[in-house]
Amino acid sequence: MIKKLLLLSFVFIQCALISQAKDLRFIQVAEAQYSPENKDSVIKCIDDINTLKKVDFVVFTGDNIAAARKEYLKDFLKEVKKLKFPVYIVIGDRDVSKEKKLNKETYREEVFKSLGFGQSLKPNYTFRKNGIVFIVADGAKEFVTAPNGYYKQNTVDWVDKQLIKNQKHKVIILQHFPLVDSDTPANNTYKSGIYKDMLAKHTNVTAIIAGHFKENSEQTINGINHIVTPSYSITGEYKIFDIPEDGDTIYTQLRHVD
């Protein structure tokens, strides 16, 4: 009887491990910039994503609305709810402004009210898919609107703690502002060296996926894939990510919405 129980336990553990080790596919939409004027374009994007198969989730990596207006956010989320797949939201520089009465707290509350289960009330949060830990890191400013992001020390410290906590797992960081530089210095992340120094202490970060630069860029620096996706509102493109179950390679493709 004991042998049978041990055998059943072993089979159960093996099945659990197999269930976690699956191919992963997700979608990144950078800078949808929803407004009444480009509503149809965002709807086309959502309709196109819904034609895809085996998508584990969709992430909008900031500048989801064209300006920090609550009515834009509500209408954007109304369309996003039509996606057939789980959705995660990152805050960008266009998304929030305390002056316009749309701060990060209100923004996250609207996301939670609209999309419900699985959404965080905080701008920094984590979730897991197929054994990979995803960290959403917030670098947006809500007091003074500016084109460059800034990952404050408390955010860097929080990411550091998440990486220590998940040191046995592969991690992908999702954020609006890249840590690599662009051709336009004004768009570069302020004091990004502090963030990079923290990352240098860890070996479990597979990729940092961002937007903001309105360009397509992929480069590997110190073992981390820095992936920047162009603005959907300008190019009409979003990016598809495929990660095999071994998790060692990330395959990307830009998909144009006709």
Protein backbone atom coordinates (compact mmCIF):
# COMPACT_ATOMS: atom_id res chain seq x y z
CA MET A 1 0.00 0.00 0.00
CA ILE A 2 2.80 2.37 0.89
CA LYS A 3 4.57 1.60 -2.38
CA LYS A 4 1.37 2.36 -4.30
CA LEU A 5 0.98 5.67 -2.50
CA LEU A 6 4.58 6.62 -3.22
CA LEU A 7 4.14 5.67 -6.86
CA LEU A 8 0.96 7.70 -7.12
CA SER A 9 2.70 10.68 -5.48
CA PHE A 10 5.57 10.42 -7.96
CA VAL A 11 3.17 10.27 -10.90
CA PHE A 12 1.25 13.24 -9.54
CA ILE A 13 4.42 15.33 -9.14
CA GLN A 14 5.57 14.42 -12.65
CA CYS A 15 2.18 15.39 -14.09
CA ALA A 16 2.27 18.68 -12.19
CA LEU A 17 5.71 19.49 -13.59
CA ILE A 18 4.61 18.61 -17.11
CA SER A 19 1.51 20.80 -16.76
CA GLN A 20 3.72 23.76 -15.81
CA ALA A 21 6.19 23.21 -18.66
CA LYS A 22 4.23 24.40 -21.65
CA ASP A 23 4.93 26.60 -24.62
CA LEU A 24 3.94 30.17 -23.85
CA ARG A 25 2.46 32.71 -26.27
CA PHE A 26 1.54 36.26 -25.38
CA ILE A 27 0.83 39.55 -27.14
CA GLN A 28 2.26 42.99 -26.43
CA VAL A 29 0.49 46.12 -27.62
CA ALA A 30 2.64 49.21 -27.14
CA GLU A 31 1.01 52.64 -27.17
CA ALA A 32 -2.53 51.92 -28.31
CA GLN A 33 -3.24 55.60 -27.46
CA TYR A 34 -7.01 55.19 -27.42
CA SER A 35 -9.08 58.30 -28.14
CA PRO A 36 -12.45 58.87 -29.84
CA GLU A 37 -10.51 59.70 -33.01
CA ASN A 38 -8.65 56.37 -33.21
CA LYS A 39 -11.27 54.16 -31.58
CA ASP A 40 -11.75 52.16 -34.79
CA SER A 41 -8.02 51.41 -34.97
CA VAL A 42 -7.99 50.01 -31.43
CA ILE A 43 -11.10 47.93 -32.16
CA LYS A 44 -9.34 46.48 -35.24
CA CYS A 45 -6.37 45.55 -33.05
CA ILE A 46 -8.56 43.75 -30.54
CA ASP A 47 -10.53 41.97 -33.27
CA ASP A 48 -7.27 40.85 -34.91
CA ILE A 49 -5.83 39.48 -31.66
CA ASN A 50 -9.06 37.53 -31.13
CA THR A 51 -8.40 35.64 -34.38
CA LEU A 52 -5.21 34.15 -32.93
CA LYS A 53 -5.07 30.80 -31.19
CA LYS A 54 -3.39 29.57 -28.01
CA VAL A 55 -2.68 33.03 -26.59
CA ASP A 56 -1.96 32.93 -22.85
CA PHE A 57 -2.39 36.65 -22.26
CA VAL A 58 -2.26 40.15 -23.76
CA VAL A 59 -0.32 43.02 -22.18
CA PHE A 60 -0.75 46.71 -23.00
CA THR A 61 2.58 48.30 -22.05
CA GLY A 62 1.57 51.90 -21.46
CA ASP A 63 0.32 54.98 -23.30
CA ASN A 64 -2.86 53.00 -23.57
CA ILE A 65 -4.84 56.22 -23.94
CA ALA A 66 -3.88 59.32 -25.89
CA ALA A 67 -4.24 61.64 -22.89
CA ALA A 68 -4.92 61.30 -19.17
CA ARG A 69 -8.70 61.57 -19.36
CA LYS A 70 -10.93 59.29 -17.32
CA GLU A 71 -13.49 58.95 -20.10
CA TYR A 72 -10.75 57.76 -22.48
CA LEU A 73 -9.68 55.13 -19.98
CA LYS A 74 -13.22 53.86 -19.40
CA ASP A 75 -13.89 53.60 -23.13
CA PHE A 76 -10.52 51.91 -23.74
CA LEU A 77 -11.21 49.32 -21.05
CA LYS A 78 -14.69 48.74 -22.46
CA GLU A 79 -13.08 47.64 -25.73
CA VAL A 80 -10.30 45.67 -24.02
CA LYS A 81 -12.92 43.58 -22.20
CA LYS A 82 -13.83 42.10 -25.59
CA LEU A 83 -10.53 40.23 -25.76
CA LYS A 84 -10.88 36.46 -25.39
CA PHE A 85 -7.66 36.23 -23.39
CA PRO A 86 -6.46 37.44 -19.97
CA VAL A 87 -5.27 41.07 -20.06
CA TYR A 88 -2.61 42.95 -18.07
CA ILE A 89 -2.10 46.70 -18.07
CA VAL A 90 1.07 48.77 -17.63
CA ILE A 91 0.94 52.54 -17.02
CA GLY A 92 2.70 54.92 -19.45
CA ASP A 93 3.54 58.61 -19.42
CA ARG A 94 0.36 59.61 -21.28
CA ASP A 95 -1.90 57.61 -19.02
CA VAL A 96 -1.83 59.50 -15.74
CA SER A 97 -1.81 63.08 -14.50
CA LYS A 98 -2.78 64.32 -11.04
CA GLU A 99 -3.49 67.72 -12.56
CA LYS A 100 -6.16 66.10 -14.76
CA LYS A 101 -7.49 64.06 -11.84
CA LEU A 102 -6.36 60.72 -13.20
CA ASN A 103 -3.63 59.52 -10.87
CA LYS A 104 -2.22 56.00 -10.64
CA GLU A 105 -4.58 54.96 -7.85
CA THR A 106 -7.65 56.00 -9.84
CA TYR A 107 -6.23 54.42 -13.00
CA ARG A 108 -5.68 51.06 -11.32
CA GLU A 109 -9.13 51.22 -9.69
CA GLU A 110 -10.74 51.69 -13.09
CA VAL A 111 -8.74 48.76 -14.48
CA PHE A 112 -9.82 46.58 -11.54
CA LYS A 113 -13.49 47.59 -11.83
CA SER A 114 -13.54 46.91 -15.55
CA LEU A 115 -11.37 43.79 -15.91
CA GLY A 116 -11.87 42.33 -12.44
CA PHE A 117 -10.20 39.10 -11.33
CA GLY A 118 -6.43 38.97 -11.76
CA GLN A 119 -5.96 42.75 -11.82
CA SER A 120 -3.81 44.59 -9.30
CA LEU A 121 -4.75 47.80 -7.54
CA LYS A 122 -1.06 48.70 -7.46
CA PRO A 123 1.06 49.89 -10.42
CA ASN A 124 3.83 47.41 -9.50
CA TYR A 125 2.71 43.79 -9.45
CA THR A 126 3.58 40.23 -10.48
CA PHE A 127 1.83 37.28 -12.10
CA ARG A 128 2.84 33.81 -13.30
CA LYS A 129 2.29 31.97 -16.55
CA ASN A 130 3.59 28.47 -17.31
CA GLY A 131 6.29 28.64 -14.66
CA ILE A 132 7.59 32.08 -15.74
CA VAL A 133 7.27 35.01 -13.33
CA PHE A 134 6.25 38.33 -14.90
CA ILE A 135 7.07 41.54 -13.06
CA VAL A 136 5.27 44.75 -14.00
CA ALA A 137 7.46 47.72 -13.08
CA ASP A 138 6.04 51.25 -13.05
CA GLY A 139 8.19 54.19 -14.16
CA ALA A 140 5.49 56.74 -15.02
CA LYS A 141 5.23 60.19 -13.50
CA GLU A 142 1.86 61.47 -12.34
CA PHE A 143 2.81 64.90 -10.98
CA VAL A 144 4.79 66.32 -13.90
CA THR A 145 4.11 64.89 -17.34
CA ALA A 146 7.36 64.29 -19.22
CA PRO A 147 8.54 62.03 -22.07
CA ASN A 148 11.20 60.32 -19.96
CA GLY A 149 10.42 57.70 -17.34
CA TYR A 150 11.87 57.38 -13.86
CA TYR A 151 11.99 54.18 -11.83
CA LYS A 152 12.08 55.51 -8.28
CA GLN A 153 14.28 53.90 -5.65
CA ASN A 154 11.29 52.26 -3.96
CA THR A 155 10.30 50.65 -7.27
CA VAL A 156 13.85 49.44 -7.91
CA ASP A 157 13.98 48.03 -4.38
CA TRP A 158 10.62 46.30 -4.91
CA VAL A 159 11.80 44.70 -8.17
CA ASP A 160 14.98 43.61 -6.38
CA LYS A 161 12.91 41.87 -3.69
CA GLN A 162 10.77 40.13 -6.31
CA LEU A 163 13.87 38.84 -8.08
CA ILE A 164 15.29 37.50 -4.81
CA LYS A 165 11.94 35.92 -3.95
CA ASN A 166 11.77 34.24 -7.37
CA GLN A 167 15.47 33.48 -7.82
CA LYS A 168 14.71 29.89 -8.85
CA HIS A 169 12.33 31.01 -11.59
CA LYS A 170 12.85 32.66 -14.94
CA VAL A 171 11.60 36.24 -14.89
CA ILE A 172 10.37 38.61 -17.59
CA ILE A 173 9.92 42.27 -16.71
CA LEU A 174 7.16 44.26 -18.40
CA GLN A 175 7.40 48.05 -18.34
CA HIS A 176 6.67 51.11 -20.43
CA PHE A 177 10.10 52.75 -20.38
CA PRO A 178 13.11 50.82 -21.76
CA LEU A 179 16.48 50.68 -20.00
CA VAL A 180 18.33 51.02 -23.30
CA ASP A 181 18.84 54.43 -24.91
CA SER A 182 17.05 55.74 -27.98
CA ASP A 183 18.11 58.14 -30.71
CA THR A 184 16.13 60.84 -28.87
CA PRO A 185 17.88 61.56 -25.54
CA ALA A 186 14.80 63.31 -24.13
CA ASN A 187 12.97 59.97 -24.16
CA ASN A 188 15.66 58.06 -22.28
CA THR A 189 14.89 56.77 -18.79
CA TYR A 190 16.17 59.05 -16.02
CA LYS A 191 18.91 57.52 -13.85
CA SER A 192 18.50 54.11 -15.47
CA GLY A 193 21.95 53.15 -14.15
CA ILE A 194 20.50 52.56 -10.66
CA TYR A 195 18.04 50.03 -12.09
CA LYS A 196 20.76 48.37 -14.21
CA ASP A 197 23.11 48.05 -11.22
CA MET A 198 20.36 46.26 -9.31
CA LEU A 199 19.72 43.87 -12.23
CA ALA A 200 23.43 43.03 -12.41
CA LYS A 201 23.09 41.23 -9.06
CA HIS A 202 20.62 38.74 -10.51
CA THR A 203 20.81 35.97 -13.10
CA ASN A 204 17.13 35.07 -13.47
CA VAL A 205 15.94 37.92 -15.72
CA THR A 206 15.35 36.61 -19.22
CA ALA A 207 13.96 39.77 -20.82
CA ILE A 208 12.76 43.32 -20.28
CA ILE A 209 9.89 44.15 -22.62
CA ALA A 210 8.96 47.79 -23.14
CA GLY A 211 7.56 50.35 -25.60
CA HIS A 212 7.71 54.17 -25.49
CA PHE A 213 10.45 54.70 -28.12
CA LYS A 214 8.10 54.18 -31.10
CA GLU A 215 10.73 51.96 -32.69
CA ASN A 216 11.46 48.26 -32.99
CA SER A 217 14.60 47.25 -31.16
CA GLU A 218 15.92 43.97 -29.78
CA GLN A 219 19.34 43.58 -28.21
CA THR A 220 20.96 41.41 -25.57
CA ILE A 221 22.98 43.13 -22.85
CA ASN A 222 24.64 41.16 -20.05
CA GLY A 223 22.41 38.18 -20.73
CA ILE A 224 19.13 40.14 -20.68
CA ASN A 225 17.04 40.54 -23.83
CA HIS A 226 15.95 44.18 -24.08
CA ILE A 227 12.92 44.17 -26.38
CA VAL A 228 11.30 47.43 -27.47
CA THR A 229 8.10 47.31 -29.52
CA PRO A 230 6.99 50.18 -31.79
CA SER A 231 3.86 52.24 -31.18
CA TYR A 232 0.69 50.56 -32.45
CA SER A 233 -0.93 53.97 -32.91
CA ILE A 234 1.77 54.89 -35.45
CA THR A 235 2.68 51.62 -37.17
CA GLY A 236 -0.49 49.55 -36.73
CA GLU A 237 1.69 46.71 -35.41
CA TYR A 238 1.76 44.67 -32.25
CA LYS A 239 4.23 41.97 -31.21
CA ILE A 240 3.69 38.25 -30.71
CA PHE A 241 5.99 36.41 -28.27
CA ASP A 242 6.51 32.65 -28.38
CA ILE A 243 8.56 30.95 -25.67
CA PRO A 244 9.15 27.19 -25.95
CA GLU A 245 8.69 25.10 -22.82
CA ASP A 246 12.46 25.04 -22.16
CA GLY A 247 12.26 28.83 -21.79
CA ASP A 248 15.74 29.44 -23.16
CA THR A 249 14.71 31.27 -26.33
CA ILE A 250 12.21 34.05 -27.03
CA TYR A 251 10.79 34.25 -30.55
CA THR A 252 9.14 37.51 -31.61
CA GLN A 253 7.20 38.65 -34.63
CA LEU A 254 5.55 41.92 -35.53
CA ARG A 255 2.00 41.55 -36.78
CA HIS A 256 0.44 44.32 -38.87
CA VAL A 257 -3.26 45.00 -38.52
CA ASP A 258 -4.84 45.72 -41.90
